[in-house]
Amino acid sequence: MYEKILVVDDIEDIRSLLQEALQASGYHTLEAADGREALSMIEAESPDLVILDIAMPVMSGFQVLRQLRKNSDIPIIMLSARTDTVDKVESLELGADDYITKPFEIAEMTARVEAVLRRRKTISNVINKVEFNDGQLLIDLAKRRVTLKGEEVELTPKEYELLRELVLNAGTVLEYQRILDAVWGKEYGNAKELVQVTLKRLRAKIEVDPGNPKYVLTVSGVGYRFKEIS
């Protein structure tokens, strides 16, 4: 393995612990002590994954995550000392790939890192080959770009992930649970309404006539299907 991992935490002992463990697993590591330093490091070094603490001075992990998700798909695992679900839900809604609480087992952390990198690598191999353009709607997954009638479409991280999942499976009916697991994670159980609400917002942004959609089609009682890409 030669992947570069950026460890971002204001506590030096945690940075040292993570770097030692990741290096032992074959990764090259970088470190940053706050959010602003992390953003500069990401721009300069282009790491393959970021482990990002939430509670930091200068700039919080949430602020960094929001900034990155405006134009980057870099894999991010969030860290938090809080054991309730508030930070976890917000992290995933903002576009984090995974979330882990402190204190954590090193074996669990390295397993999460491997899983996120493996999943992202699989998606990236497919994304580079997929583009949809019918003259009105353009979806370029490789560039994370969506336009409607030539105008840029601003999507939230979850709206974009939902669209990406649908486009990657264009022509195939995706059940509510499959979408929920892929976009939000199994921790969300069977919250079908979460998919429905997000899909409604997505349609309002990418459909010429949201009331009569032609891109994301509803399969009653089952789920949704993105039109086939010819």
C-alpha atoms as a PDB file:
ATOM      1  CA  MET A   1       0.000   0.000   0.000  1.00  0.00           C
ATOM      2  CA  TYR A   2       1.206   3.497  -0.835  1.00  0.00           C
ATOM      3  CA  GLU A   3      -1.887   5.544  -0.018  1.00  0.00           C
ATOM      4  CA  LYS A   4      -1.361   8.844   1.784  1.00  0.00           C
ATOM      5  CA  ILE A   5      -3.511   9.471   4.838  1.00  0.00           C
ATOM      6  CA  LEU A   6      -3.858  12.845   6.536  1.00  0.00           C
ATOM      7  CA  VAL A   7      -4.516  12.685  10.296  1.00  0.00           C
ATOM      8  CA  VAL A   8      -6.149  15.860  11.615  1.00  0.00           C
ATOM      9  CA  ASP A   9      -6.474  16.292  15.388  1.00  0.00           C
ATOM     10  CA  ASP A  10      -5.465  19.007  17.818  1.00  0.00           C
ATOM     11  CA  ILE A  11      -4.229  16.394  20.325  1.00  0.00           C
ATOM     12  CA  GLU A  12      -0.661  15.396  19.499  1.00  0.00           C
ATOM     13  CA  ASP A  13      -0.862  12.014  21.255  1.00  0.00           C
ATOM     14  CA  ILE A  14      -3.802  10.954  19.084  1.00  0.00           C
ATOM     15  CA  ARG A  15      -2.040  12.081  15.916  1.00  0.00           C
ATOM     16  CA  SER A  16       1.071  10.121  16.922  1.00  0.00           C
ATOM     17  CA  LEU A  17      -0.943   7.010  17.823  1.00  0.00           C
ATOM     18  CA  LEU A  18      -2.804   7.005  14.520  1.00  0.00           C
ATOM     19  CA  GLN A  19       0.259   7.704  12.425  1.00  0.00           C
ATOM     20  CA  GLU A  20       2.214   4.897  14.069  1.00  0.00           C
ATOM     21  CA  ALA A  21      -0.610   2.416  13.522  1.00  0.00           C
ATOM     22  CA  LEU A  22      -1.229   3.466   9.921  1.00  0.00           C
ATOM     23  CA  GLN A  23       2.459   3.374   9.047  1.00  0.00           C
ATOM     24  CA  ALA A  24       2.653  -0.133  10.500  1.00  0.00           C
ATOM     25  CA  SER A  25      -0.143  -1.091   8.094  1.00  0.00           C
ATOM     26  CA  GLY A  26       1.828   0.239   5.128  1.00  0.00           C
ATOM     27  CA  TYR A  27       0.366   3.718   4.696  1.00  0.00           C
ATOM     28  CA  HIS A  28       2.238   6.981   4.295  1.00  0.00           C
ATOM     29  CA  THR A  29       0.945   9.555   6.796  1.00  0.00           C
ATOM     30  CA  LEU A  30       0.666  13.320   7.069  1.00  0.00           C
ATOM     31  CA  GLU A  31      -0.586  15.355  10.023  1.00  0.00           C
ATOM     32  CA  ALA A  32      -2.339  18.630  10.793  1.00  0.00           C
ATOM     33  CA  ALA A  33      -3.254  20.140  14.158  1.00  0.00           C
ATOM     34  CA  ASP A  34      -6.265  22.206  13.061  1.00  0.00           C
ATOM     35  CA  GLY A  35      -8.749  22.696  10.251  1.00  0.00           C
ATOM     36  CA  ARG A  36      -6.981  25.467   8.376  1.00  0.00           C
ATOM     37  CA  GLU A  37      -3.720  23.551   8.370  1.00  0.00           C
ATOM     38  CA  ALA A  38      -5.640  20.516   7.128  1.00  0.00           C
ATOM     39  CA  LEU A  39      -7.111  22.393   4.151  1.00  0.00           C
ATOM     40  CA  SER A  40      -3.666  23.699   3.188  1.00  0.00           C
ATOM     41  CA  MET A  41      -2.189  20.226   3.522  1.00  0.00           C
ATOM     42  CA  ILE A  42      -4.933  18.693   1.389  1.00  0.00           C
ATOM     43  CA  GLU A  43      -4.374  21.252  -1.369  1.00  0.00           C
ATOM     44  CA  ALA A  44      -0.601  20.770  -1.298  1.00  0.00           C
ATOM     45  CA  GLU A  45      -0.350  16.997  -0.795  1.00  0.00           C
ATOM     46  CA  SER A  46      -3.588  15.523  -2.232  1.00  0.00           C
ATOM     47  CA  PRO A  47      -3.940  12.731   0.344  1.00  0.00           C
ATOM     48  CA  ASP A  48      -5.999   9.647  -0.479  1.00  0.00           C
ATOM     49  CA  LEU A  49      -7.993   9.800   2.757  1.00  0.00           C
ATOM     50  CA  VAL A  50      -8.485  12.156   5.709  1.00  0.00           C
ATOM     51  CA  ILE A  51      -9.115  11.184   9.332  1.00  0.00           C
ATOM     52  CA  LEU A  52     -10.722  14.342  10.701  1.00  0.00           C
ATOM     53  CA  ASP A  53     -11.473  15.244  14.321  1.00  0.00           C
ATOM     54  CA  ILE A  54     -14.634  17.275  14.866  1.00  0.00           C
ATOM     55  CA  ALA A  55     -13.811  19.361  17.956  1.00  0.00           C
ATOM     56  CA  MET A  56     -10.774  21.477  17.067  1.00  0.00           C
ATOM     57  CA  PRO A  57      -9.776  25.116  17.592  1.00  0.00           C
ATOM     58  CA  VAL A  58      -9.482  27.619  14.738  1.00  0.00           C
ATOM     59  CA  MET A  59     -11.718  25.610  12.403  1.00  0.00           C
ATOM     60  CA  SER A  60     -13.865  22.624  13.375  1.00  0.00           C
ATOM     61  CA  GLY A  61     -13.990  19.311  11.552  1.00  0.00           C
ATOM     62  CA  PHE A  62     -17.526  20.112  10.401  1.00  0.00           C
ATOM     63  CA  GLN A  63     -16.329  23.361   8.827  1.00  0.00           C
ATOM     64  CA  VAL A  64     -13.535  21.527   7.036  1.00  0.00           C
ATOM     65  CA  LEU A  65     -15.947  18.849   5.838  1.00  0.00           C
ATOM     66  CA  ARG A  66     -18.390  21.433   4.468  1.00  0.00           C
ATOM     67  CA  GLN A  67     -15.585  23.214   2.654  1.00  0.00           C
ATOM     68  CA  LEU A  68     -14.221  20.020   1.109  1.00  0.00           C
ATOM     69  CA  ARG A  69     -17.580  18.710  -0.033  1.00  0.00           C
ATOM     70  CA  LYS A  70     -18.155  21.775  -2.182  1.00  0.00           C
ATOM     71  CA  ASN A  71     -15.812  20.362  -4.821  1.00  0.00           C
ATOM     72  CA  SER A  72     -14.066  17.234  -3.534  1.00  0.00           C
ATOM     73  CA  ASP A  73     -14.891  13.558  -3.130  1.00  0.00           C
ATOM     74  CA  ILE A  74     -11.839  12.819  -0.982  1.00  0.00           C
ATOM     75  CA  PRO A  75     -12.689  10.006   1.488  1.00  0.00           C
ATOM     76  CA  ILE A  76     -13.180  11.330   5.033  1.00  0.00           C
ATOM     77  CA  ILE A  77     -13.527   9.485   8.335  1.00  0.00           C
ATOM     78  CA  MET A  78     -14.739  11.706  11.167  1.00  0.00           C
ATOM     79  CA  LEU A  79     -13.573  11.384  14.783  1.00  0.00           C
ATOM     80  CA  SER A  80     -15.528  12.506  17.843  1.00  0.00           C
ATOM     81  CA  ALA A  81     -15.358  12.061  21.610  1.00  0.00           C
ATOM     82  CA  ARG A  82     -19.147  12.318  21.807  1.00  0.00           C
ATOM     83  CA  THR A  83     -21.015   9.034  22.083  1.00  0.00           C
ATOM     84  CA  ASP A  84     -24.501  10.297  21.159  1.00  0.00           C
ATOM     85  CA  THR A  85     -25.749  10.202  17.588  1.00  0.00           C
ATOM     86  CA  VAL A  86     -25.836  13.963  16.914  1.00  0.00           C
ATOM     87  CA  ASP A  87     -22.279  14.266  15.555  1.00  0.00           C
ATOM     88  CA  LYS A  88     -22.614  11.020  13.639  1.00  0.00           C
ATOM     89  CA  VAL A  89     -25.802  12.045  11.868  1.00  0.00           C
ATOM     90  CA  GLU A  90     -24.426  15.483  10.974  1.00  0.00           C
ATOM     91  CA  SER A  91     -21.152  13.986   9.736  1.00  0.00           C
ATOM     92  CA  LEU A  92     -22.903  11.568   7.399  1.00  0.00           C
ATOM     93  CA  GLU A  93     -25.380  14.203   6.215  1.00  0.00           C
ATOM     94  CA  LEU A  94     -22.494  16.523   5.333  1.00  0.00           C
ATOM     95  CA  GLY A  95     -20.879  13.812   3.231  1.00  0.00           C
ATOM     96  CA  ALA A  96     -18.421  11.964   5.480  1.00  0.00           C
ATOM     97  CA  ASP A  97     -17.673   8.388   4.447  1.00  0.00           C
ATOM     98  CA  ASP A  98     -17.510   7.000   7.976  1.00  0.00           C
ATOM     99  CA  TYR A  99     -17.523   8.008  11.639  1.00  0.00           C
ATOM    100  CA  ILE A 100     -15.791   6.585  14.687  1.00  0.00           C
ATOM    101  CA  THR A 101     -15.893   7.583  18.357  1.00  0.00           C
ATOM    102  CA  LYS A 102     -13.014   8.040  20.789  1.00  0.00           C
ATOM    103  CA  PRO A 103     -11.574   6.057  22.408  1.00  0.00           C
ATOM    104  CA  PHE A 104     -11.232   3.600  19.532  1.00  0.00           C
ATOM    105  CA  GLU A 105      -9.465   0.315  18.930  1.00  0.00           C
ATOM    106  CA  ILE A 106      -6.564   0.610  16.487  1.00  0.00           C
ATOM    107  CA  ALA A 107      -7.663  -2.565  14.717  1.00  0.00           C
ATOM    108  CA  GLU A 108     -11.116  -1.085  14.145  1.00  0.00           C
ATOM    109  CA  MET A 109      -9.688   2.169  12.800  1.00  0.00           C
ATOM    110  CA  THR A 110      -7.360   0.462  10.306  1.00  0.00           C
ATOM    111  CA  ALA A 111     -10.215  -1.810   9.202  1.00  0.00           C
ATOM    112  CA  ARG A 112     -12.429   1.241   8.597  1.00  0.00           C
ATOM    113  CA  VAL A 113      -9.655   2.939   6.628  1.00  0.00           C
ATOM    114  CA  GLU A 114      -9.184  -0.136   4.439  1.00  0.00           C
ATOM    115  CA  ALA A 115     -12.927  -0.467   3.857  1.00  0.00           C
ATOM    116  CA  VAL A 116     -13.411   3.195   2.884  1.00  0.00           C
ATOM    117  CA  LEU A 117     -10.418   3.169   0.517  1.00  0.00           C
ATOM    118  CA  ARG A 118     -11.557  -0.084  -1.078  1.00  0.00           C
ATOM    119  CA  ARG A 119     -15.104   1.212  -1.567  1.00  0.00           C
ATOM    120  CA  ARG A 120     -13.936   4.520  -3.020  1.00  0.00           C
ATOM    121  CA  LYS A 121     -11.502   2.792  -5.391  1.00  0.00           C
ATOM    122  CA  THR A 122     -14.292   0.608  -6.750  1.00  0.00           C
ATOM    123  CA  ILE A 123     -16.578   3.612  -7.244  1.00  0.00           C
ATOM    124  CA  SER A 124     -13.840   5.701  -8.870  1.00  0.00           C
ATOM    125  CA  ASN A 125     -13.099   3.027 -11.465  1.00  0.00           C
ATOM    126  CA  VAL A 126     -16.725   3.165 -12.572  1.00  0.00           C
ATOM    127  CA  ILE A 127     -17.223   6.928 -12.214  1.00  0.00           C
ATOM    128  CA  ASN A 128     -14.468   7.749 -14.705  1.00  0.00           C
ATOM    129  CA  LYS A 129     -16.464   5.987 -17.401  1.00  0.00           C
ATOM    130  CA  VAL A 130     -19.890   7.486 -16.684  1.00  0.00           C
ATOM    131  CA  GLU A 131     -21.331  10.703 -18.079  1.00  0.00           C
ATOM    132  CA  PHE A 132     -24.918  11.638 -18.871  1.00  0.00           C
ATOM    133  CA  ASN A 133     -25.764  14.458 -21.274  1.00  0.00           C
ATOM    134  CA  ASP A 134     -29.035  14.752 -23.182  1.00  0.00           C
ATOM    135  CA  GLY A 135     -28.603  18.404 -24.136  1.00  0.00           C
ATOM    136  CA  GLN A 136     -30.478  19.673 -21.087  1.00  0.00           C
ATOM    137  CA  LEU A 137     -29.079  17.791 -18.095  1.00  0.00           C
ATOM    138  CA  LEU A 138     -25.347  17.134 -17.822  1.00  0.00           C
ATOM    139  CA  ILE A 139     -23.972  14.820 -15.121  1.00  0.00           C
ATOM    140  CA  ASP A 140     -20.195  14.391 -15.141  1.00  0.00           C
ATOM    141  CA  LEU A 141     -19.319  12.152 -12.192  1.00  0.00           C
ATOM    142  CA  ALA A 142     -15.585  12.288 -12.812  1.00  0.00           C
ATOM    143  CA  LYS A 143     -15.642  16.075 -12.377  1.00  0.00           C
ATOM    144  CA  ARG A 144     -18.482  16.084  -9.819  1.00  0.00           C
ATOM    145  CA  ARG A 145     -20.354  18.479 -12.113  1.00  0.00           C
ATOM    146  CA  VAL A 146     -24.091  18.793 -12.720  1.00  0.00           C
ATOM    147  CA  THR A 147     -25.695  21.391 -14.989  1.00  0.00           C
ATOM    148  CA  LEU A 148     -29.252  21.963 -16.179  1.00  0.00           C
ATOM    149  CA  LYS A 149     -29.691  23.974 -19.393  1.00  0.00           C
ATOM    150  CA  GLY A 150     -26.084  25.100 -19.048  1.00  0.00           C
ATOM    151  CA  GLU A 151     -26.501  26.383 -15.475  1.00  0.00           C
ATOM    152  CA  GLU A 152     -24.563  24.838 -12.599  1.00  0.00           C
ATOM    153  CA  VAL A 153     -26.761  22.850 -10.195  1.00  0.00           C
ATOM    154  CA  GLU A 154     -25.838  23.200  -6.521  1.00  0.00           C
ATOM    155  CA  LEU A 155     -26.487  19.921  -4.715  1.00  0.00           C
ATOM    156  CA  THR A 156     -26.019  19.066  -1.059  1.00  0.00           C
ATOM    157  CA  PRO A 157     -23.605  16.187  -0.360  1.00  0.00           C
ATOM    158  CA  LYS A 158     -26.467  13.732   0.171  1.00  0.00           C
ATOM    159  CA  GLU A 159     -28.369  14.905  -2.898  1.00  0.00           C
ATOM    160  CA  TYR A 160     -25.213  14.384  -4.959  1.00  0.00           C
ATOM    161  CA  GLU A 161     -24.524  10.943  -3.457  1.00  0.00           C
ATOM    162  CA  LEU A 162     -28.117   9.928  -4.153  1.00  0.00           C
ATOM    163  CA  LEU A 163     -27.854  11.112  -7.754  1.00  0.00           C
ATOM    164  CA  ARG A 164     -24.518   9.350  -8.169  1.00  0.00           C
ATOM    165  CA  GLU A 165     -25.959   6.059  -6.898  1.00  0.00           C
ATOM    166  CA  LEU A 166     -28.895   6.324  -9.288  1.00  0.00           C
ATOM    167  CA  VAL A 167     -26.732   7.246 -12.299  1.00  0.00           C
ATOM    168  CA  LEU A 168     -24.204   4.480 -11.604  1.00  0.00           C
ATOM    169  CA  ASN A 169     -27.141   2.064 -11.769  1.00  0.00           C
ATOM    170  CA  ALA A 170     -28.986   3.772 -14.634  1.00  0.00           C
ATOM    171  CA  GLY A 171     -31.782   1.631 -16.046  1.00  0.00           C
ATOM    172  CA  THR A 172     -31.946  -0.500 -12.905  1.00  0.00           C
ATOM    173  CA  VAL A 173     -34.689  -0.210 -10.301  1.00  0.00           C
ATOM    174  CA  LEU A 174     -33.138   0.517  -6.895  1.00  0.00           C
ATOM    175  CA  GLU A 175     -35.219  -0.444  -3.873  1.00  0.00           C
ATOM    176  CA  TYR A 176     -35.605   2.090  -1.054  1.00  0.00           C
ATOM    177  CA  GLN A 177     -33.525  -0.006   1.340  1.00  0.00           C
ATOM    178  CA  ARG A 178     -30.697  -0.451  -1.137  1.00  0.00           C
ATOM    179  CA  ILE A 179     -30.537   3.309  -1.705  1.00  0.00           C
ATOM    180  CA  LEU A 180     -30.673   4.002   2.026  1.00  0.00           C
ATOM    181  CA  ASP A 181     -27.856   1.552   2.789  1.00  0.00           C
ATOM    182  CA  ALA A 182     -25.648   2.835  -0.041  1.00  0.00           C
ATOM    183  CA  VAL A 183     -26.096   6.569   0.528  1.00  0.00           C
ATOM    184  CA  TRP A 184     -26.745   6.889   4.262  1.00  0.00           C
ATOM    185  CA  GLY A 185     -25.531   3.591   5.701  1.00  0.00           C
ATOM    186  CA  LYS A 186     -27.115   0.664   7.483  1.00  0.00           C
ATOM    187  CA  GLU A 187     -27.269   2.697  10.712  1.00  0.00           C
ATOM    188  CA  TYR A 188     -30.380   4.445   9.347  1.00  0.00           C
ATOM    189  CA  GLY A 189     -32.453   1.244   9.461  1.00  0.00           C
ATOM    190  CA  ASN A 190     -35.461   1.408   7.157  1.00  0.00           C
ATOM    191  CA  ALA A 191     -36.015   5.191   7.086  1.00  0.00           C
ATOM    192  CA  LYS A 192     -37.733   5.157   3.697  1.00  0.00           C
ATOM    193  CA  GLU A 193     -38.982   8.721   4.173  1.00  0.00           C
ATOM    194  CA  LEU A 194     -35.368   9.985   4.232  1.00  0.00           C
ATOM    195  CA  VAL A 195     -34.879   8.716   0.679  1.00  0.00           C
ATOM    196  CA  GLN A 196     -38.205  10.170  -0.431  1.00  0.00           C
ATOM    197  CA  VAL A 197     -37.573  13.642   1.004  1.00  0.00           C
ATOM    198  CA  THR A 198     -34.049  13.863  -0.435  1.00  0.00           C
ATOM    199  CA  LEU A 199     -35.255  12.573  -3.807  1.00  0.00           C
ATOM    200  CA  LYS A 200     -37.953  15.251  -3.883  1.00  0.00           C
ATOM    201  CA  ARG A 201     -35.323  17.971  -3.311  1.00  0.00           C
ATOM    202  CA  LEU A 202     -33.082  16.419  -5.969  1.00  0.00           C
ATOM    203  CA  ARG A 203     -35.883  16.382  -8.544  1.00  0.00           C
ATOM    204  CA  ALA A 204     -36.625  20.045  -7.847  1.00  0.00           C
ATOM    205  CA  LYS A 205     -33.048  20.832  -8.907  1.00  0.00           C
ATOM    206  CA  ILE A 206     -32.423  18.516 -11.889  1.00  0.00           C
ATOM    207  CA  GLU A 207     -35.820  18.014 -13.504  1.00  0.00           C
ATOM    208  CA  VAL A 208     -37.141  20.553 -16.011  1.00  0.00           C
ATOM    209  CA  ASP A 209     -40.627  19.708 -14.715  1.00  0.00           C
ATOM    210  CA  PRO A 210     -40.323  18.148 -11.224  1.00  0.00           C
ATOM    211  CA  GLY A 211     -44.018  17.267 -11.266  1.00  0.00           C
ATOM    212  CA  ASN A 212     -43.503  15.199 -14.409  1.00  0.00           C
ATOM    213  CA  PRO A 213     -39.957  13.798 -14.010  1.00  0.00           C
ATOM    214  CA  LYS A 214     -38.143  12.264 -16.958  1.00  0.00           C
ATOM    215  CA  TYR A 215     -34.766  11.458 -15.350  1.00  0.00           C
ATOM    216  CA  VAL A 216     -35.498   9.900 -11.965  1.00  0.00           C
ATOM    217  CA  LEU A 217     -38.567   7.717 -12.302  1.00  0.00           C
ATOM    218  CA  THR A 218     -40.653   6.292  -9.449  1.00  0.00           C
ATOM    219  CA  VAL A 219     -41.387   2.579  -9.415  1.00  0.00           C
ATOM    220  CA  SER A 220     -44.454   2.517  -7.188  1.00  0.00           C
ATOM    221  CA  GLY A 221     -43.977   0.662  -3.923  1.00  0.00           C
ATOM    222  CA  VAL A 222     -40.438  -0.371  -4.837  1.00  0.00           C
ATOM    223  CA  GLY A 223     -38.056   2.565  -5.299  1.00  0.00           C
ATOM    224  CA  TYR A 224     -36.554   4.639  -8.109  1.00  0.00           C
ATOM    225  CA  ARG A 225     -34.841   4.232 -11.462  1.00  0.00           C
ATOM    226  CA  PHE A 226     -32.657   6.672 -13.386  1.00  0.00           C
ATOM    227  CA  LYS A 227     -33.393   6.587 -17.118  1.00  0.00           C
ATOM    228  CA  GLU A 228     -31.084   4.442 -19.193  1.00  0.00           C
ATOM    229  CA  ILE A 229     -27.904   6.059 -20.490  1.00  0.00           C
ATOM    230  CA  SER A 230     -27.572   5.401 -24.219  1.00  0.00           C
END
